[in-house]
């Protein structure tokens, strides 16, 4: 589920996404990762027609225990993961011909990690349509 509040007059965009992931068993390993909750949010200010900047964050928590063969389960326990991240984002929008292109560079500082890697992450995303209506 996602929701966005956009105020074009102020150039402010507040977006939030909440999701649940229900995992199936990996038949090759007889291992099933537990079900997961994830939230991602952003507050962005449009600075010019092409540039934006803002704050981003996310939270991930595994809600149910992993299911594994007894020997692995004895070592790992329920192995529930959890992590949060907060950071910044910059965006640049442009056109290739008539096609709109959107780029985002995000930096996250991760913290509160349990059974998960922790550190800093950088993501670059590029979005463009597969077809342009004329």
C-alpha atoms as a PDB file:
ATOM      1  CA  UNK A   1       0.000   0.000   0.000  1.00  0.00           C
ATOM      2  CA  UNK A   2       1.349   3.418  -0.862  1.00  0.00           C
ATOM      3  CA  UNK A   3       0.125   6.933  -0.245  1.00  0.00           C
ATOM      4  CA  UNK A   4       1.497  10.286  -1.420  1.00  0.00           C
ATOM      5  CA  UNK A   5       0.602  13.826  -0.428  1.00  0.00           C
ATOM      6  CA  UNK A   6       1.716  16.373  -3.013  1.00  0.00           C
ATOM      7  CA  UNK A   7       1.505  20.145  -2.725  1.00  0.00           C
ATOM      8  CA  UNK A   8       2.574  21.557  -6.118  1.00  0.00           C
ATOM      9  CA  UNK A   9       2.386  25.144  -4.820  1.00  0.00           C
ATOM     10  CA  UNK A  10       5.021  24.452  -2.143  1.00  0.00           C
ATOM     11  CA  UNK A  11       6.871  21.805  -4.183  1.00  0.00           C
ATOM     12  CA  UNK A  12       6.560  19.291  -1.336  1.00  0.00           C
ATOM     13  CA  UNK A  13       5.976  15.540  -1.771  1.00  0.00           C
ATOM     14  CA  UNK A  14       5.453  13.216   1.216  1.00  0.00           C
ATOM     15  CA  UNK A  15       5.319   9.530   0.234  1.00  0.00           C
ATOM     16  CA  UNK A  16       4.975   6.364   2.313  1.00  0.00           C
ATOM     17  CA  UNK A  17       4.834   2.694   1.328  1.00  0.00           C
ATOM     18  CA  UNK A  18       3.929  -0.205   3.623  1.00  0.00           C
ATOM     19  CA  UNK A  19       4.222  -3.825   2.554  1.00  0.00           C
ATOM     20  CA  UNK A  20       4.117  -7.397   3.776  1.00  0.00           C
ATOM     21  CA  UNK A  21       6.067 -10.217   2.155  1.00  0.00           C
ATOM     22  CA  UNK A  22       4.889 -13.811   2.550  1.00  0.00           C
ATOM     23  CA  UNK A  23       7.673 -16.237   1.649  1.00  0.00           C
ATOM     24  CA  UNK A  24       7.386 -19.777   0.299  1.00  0.00           C
ATOM     25  CA  UNK A  25       9.758 -22.652   0.975  1.00  0.00           C
ATOM     26  CA  UNK A  26      12.893 -22.988  -1.124  1.00  0.00           C
ATOM     27  CA  UNK A  27      12.483 -26.550  -2.415  1.00  0.00           C
ATOM     28  CA  UNK A  28      16.238 -26.979  -3.023  1.00  0.00           C
ATOM     29  CA  UNK A  29      17.192 -26.188   0.604  1.00  0.00           C
ATOM     30  CA  UNK A  30      13.972 -26.927   2.507  1.00  0.00           C
ATOM     31  CA  UNK A  31      14.325 -23.444   4.031  1.00  0.00           C
ATOM     32  CA  UNK A  32      11.558 -20.844   4.335  1.00  0.00           C
ATOM     33  CA  UNK A  33      12.292 -17.283   5.375  1.00  0.00           C
ATOM     34  CA  UNK A  34       9.685 -15.879   7.759  1.00  0.00           C
ATOM     35  CA  UNK A  35       7.088 -13.310   6.744  1.00  0.00           C
ATOM     36  CA  UNK A  36       8.271  -9.708   6.593  1.00  0.00           C
ATOM     37  CA  UNK A  37       6.996  -6.159   7.168  1.00  0.00           C
ATOM     38  CA  UNK A  38       8.606  -3.186   5.435  1.00  0.00           C
ATOM     39  CA  UNK A  39       7.997   0.575   5.418  1.00  0.00           C
ATOM     40  CA  UNK A  40       9.691   3.176   3.235  1.00  0.00           C
ATOM     41  CA  UNK A  41       9.113   6.929   3.287  1.00  0.00           C
ATOM     42  CA  UNK A  42      10.374  10.153   1.751  1.00  0.00           C
ATOM     43  CA  UNK A  43       9.847  13.882   2.156  1.00  0.00           C
ATOM     44  CA  UNK A  44      11.014  15.676  -0.969  1.00  0.00           C
ATOM     45  CA  UNK A  45      11.227  19.354  -1.958  1.00  0.00           C
ATOM     46  CA  UNK A  46      11.211  20.242  -5.660  1.00  0.00           C
ATOM     47  CA  UNK A  47      13.958  22.903  -5.915  1.00  0.00           C
ATOM     48  CA  UNK A  48      13.696  23.572  -9.659  1.00  0.00           C
ATOM     49  CA  UNK A  49      11.789  21.934 -12.506  1.00  0.00           C
ATOM     50  CA  UNK A  50      14.591  19.373 -12.770  1.00  0.00           C
ATOM     51  CA  UNK A  51      16.122  19.063  -9.275  1.00  0.00           C
ATOM     52  CA  UNK A  52      14.729  17.826  -5.958  1.00  0.00           C
ATOM     53  CA  UNK A  53      16.173  16.933  -2.555  1.00  0.00           C
ATOM     54  CA  UNK A  54      14.840  15.430   0.622  1.00  0.00           C
ATOM     55  CA  UNK A  55      14.952  12.979   3.500  1.00  0.00           C
ATOM     56  CA  UNK A  56      14.355   9.229   3.196  1.00  0.00           C
ATOM     57  CA  UNK A  57      13.960   6.377   5.639  1.00  0.00           C
ATOM     58  CA  UNK A  58      12.938   2.760   5.955  1.00  0.00           C
ATOM     59  CA  UNK A  59      12.198   0.071   8.520  1.00  0.00           C
ATOM     60  CA  UNK A  60      12.234  -3.713   8.010  1.00  0.00           C
ATOM     61  CA  UNK A  61      11.192  -6.396  10.491  1.00  0.00           C
ATOM     62  CA  UNK A  62      10.793 -10.116  10.019  1.00  0.00           C
ATOM     63  CA  UNK A  63       7.547 -11.043  11.772  1.00  0.00           C
ATOM     64  CA  UNK A  64       7.735 -14.844  11.875  1.00  0.00           C
ATOM     65  CA  UNK A  65      10.621 -17.232  12.384  1.00  0.00           C
ATOM     66  CA  UNK A  66      12.464 -18.937   9.552  1.00  0.00           C
ATOM     67  CA  UNK A  67      11.647 -22.602   9.023  1.00  0.00           C
ATOM     68  CA  UNK A  68      14.637 -24.875   8.360  1.00  0.00           C
ATOM     69  CA  UNK A  69      15.721 -28.498   8.665  1.00  0.00           C
ATOM     70  CA  UNK A  70      16.334 -29.348  12.364  1.00  0.00           C
ATOM     71  CA  UNK A  71      20.153 -29.241  12.160  1.00  0.00           C
ATOM     72  CA  UNK A  72      20.134 -25.721  10.693  1.00  0.00           C
ATOM     73  CA  UNK A  73      17.319 -24.511  12.975  1.00  0.00           C
ATOM     74  CA  UNK A  74      19.318 -25.671  16.013  1.00  0.00           C
ATOM     75  CA  UNK A  75      22.211 -23.406  14.967  1.00  0.00           C
ATOM     76  CA  UNK A  76      20.288 -20.340  13.744  1.00  0.00           C
ATOM     77  CA  UNK A  77      17.270 -20.299  16.071  1.00  0.00           C
ATOM     78  CA  UNK A  78      14.351 -18.264  14.704  1.00  0.00           C
ATOM     79  CA  UNK A  79      16.814 -15.888  12.922  1.00  0.00           C
ATOM     80  CA  UNK A  80      14.357 -12.937  12.728  1.00  0.00           C
ATOM     81  CA  UNK A  81      15.881  -9.892  11.058  1.00  0.00           C
ATOM     82  CA  UNK A  82      15.303  -6.199  11.740  1.00  0.00           C
ATOM     83  CA  UNK A  83      16.930  -2.988  10.506  1.00  0.00           C
ATOM     84  CA  UNK A  84      16.203   0.723  10.043  1.00  0.00           C
ATOM     85  CA  UNK A  85      17.799   3.355   7.845  1.00  0.00           C
ATOM     86  CA  UNK A  86      17.639   7.120   7.459  1.00  0.00           C
ATOM     87  CA  UNK A  87      19.298   9.382   4.945  1.00  0.00           C
ATOM     88  CA  UNK A  88      19.037  11.837   2.088  1.00  0.00           C
ATOM     89  CA  UNK A  89      17.986  11.819  -1.539  1.00  0.00           C
ATOM     90  CA  UNK A  90      18.599  14.006  -4.572  1.00  0.00           C
ATOM     91  CA  UNK A  91      16.714  13.730  -7.821  1.00  0.00           C
ATOM     92  CA  UNK A  92      17.156  14.922 -11.374  1.00  0.00           C
ATOM     93  CA  UNK A  93      14.448  14.771 -14.073  1.00  0.00           C
ATOM     94  CA  UNK A  94      15.055  15.216 -17.797  1.00  0.00           C
ATOM     95  CA  UNK A  95      13.819  14.026 -21.203  1.00  0.00           C
ATOM     96  CA  UNK A  96      15.307  11.757 -23.823  1.00  0.00           C
ATOM     97  CA  UNK A  97      13.373  12.853 -26.879  1.00  0.00           C
ATOM     98  CA  UNK A  98       9.753  12.864 -25.662  1.00  0.00           C
ATOM     99  CA  UNK A  99      10.369  10.295 -22.911  1.00  0.00           C
ATOM    100  CA  UNK A 100      10.543  11.620 -19.334  1.00  0.00           C
ATOM    101  CA  UNK A 101      13.451  10.220 -17.309  1.00  0.00           C
ATOM    102  CA  UNK A 102      13.732  10.354 -13.525  1.00  0.00           C
ATOM    103  CA  UNK A 103      16.925   9.649 -11.562  1.00  0.00           C
ATOM    104  CA  UNK A 104      17.308   9.374  -7.785  1.00  0.00           C
ATOM    105  CA  UNK A 105      20.454   9.043  -5.704  1.00  0.00           C
ATOM    106  CA  UNK A 106      19.751   7.871  -2.141  1.00  0.00           C
ATOM    107  CA  UNK A 107      22.095   7.522   0.823  1.00  0.00           C
ATOM    108  CA  UNK A 108      21.043   5.556   3.924  1.00  0.00           C
ATOM    109  CA  UNK A 109      22.756   5.197   7.282  1.00  0.00           C
ATOM    110  CA  UNK A 110      21.536   1.864   8.651  1.00  0.00           C
ATOM    111  CA  UNK A 111      21.111   1.145  12.355  1.00  0.00           C
ATOM    112  CA  UNK A 112      19.261  -1.073  14.845  1.00  0.00           C
ATOM    113  CA  UNK A 113      20.323  -4.191  12.937  1.00  0.00           C
ATOM    114  CA  UNK A 114      19.485  -7.675  14.213  1.00  0.00           C
ATOM    115  CA  UNK A 115      20.520 -10.646  12.036  1.00  0.00           C
ATOM    116  CA  UNK A 116      21.176  -8.192   9.215  1.00  0.00           C
ATOM    117  CA  UNK A 117      24.179  -6.355   7.783  1.00  0.00           C
ATOM    118  CA  UNK A 118      24.552  -2.793   9.078  1.00  0.00           C
ATOM    119  CA  UNK A 119      26.402   0.152   7.562  1.00  0.00           C
ATOM    120  CA  UNK A 120      25.895   2.804   4.921  1.00  0.00           C
ATOM    121  CA  UNK A 121      24.255   2.225   1.542  1.00  0.00           C
ATOM    122  CA  UNK A 122      23.973   4.233  -1.666  1.00  0.00           C
ATOM    123  CA  UNK A 123      21.355   3.515  -4.339  1.00  0.00           C
ATOM    124  CA  UNK A 124      20.989   5.009  -7.807  1.00  0.00           C
ATOM    125  CA  UNK A 125      17.673   4.517  -9.593  1.00  0.00           C
ATOM    126  CA  UNK A 126      16.682   5.387 -13.138  1.00  0.00           C
ATOM    127  CA  UNK A 127      13.036   5.362 -14.243  1.00  0.00           C
ATOM    128  CA  UNK A 128      11.727   5.785 -17.754  1.00  0.00           C
ATOM    129  CA  UNK A 129       8.653   4.625 -19.658  1.00  0.00           C
ATOM    130  CA  UNK A 130       8.806   1.645 -21.991  1.00  0.00           C
ATOM    131  CA  UNK A 131       6.664   3.545 -24.505  1.00  0.00           C
ATOM    132  CA  UNK A 132       5.708   7.187 -25.069  1.00  0.00           C
ATOM    133  CA  UNK A 133       2.191   8.182 -26.192  1.00  0.00           C
ATOM    134  CA  UNK A 134       2.220  10.615 -29.063  1.00  0.00           C
END
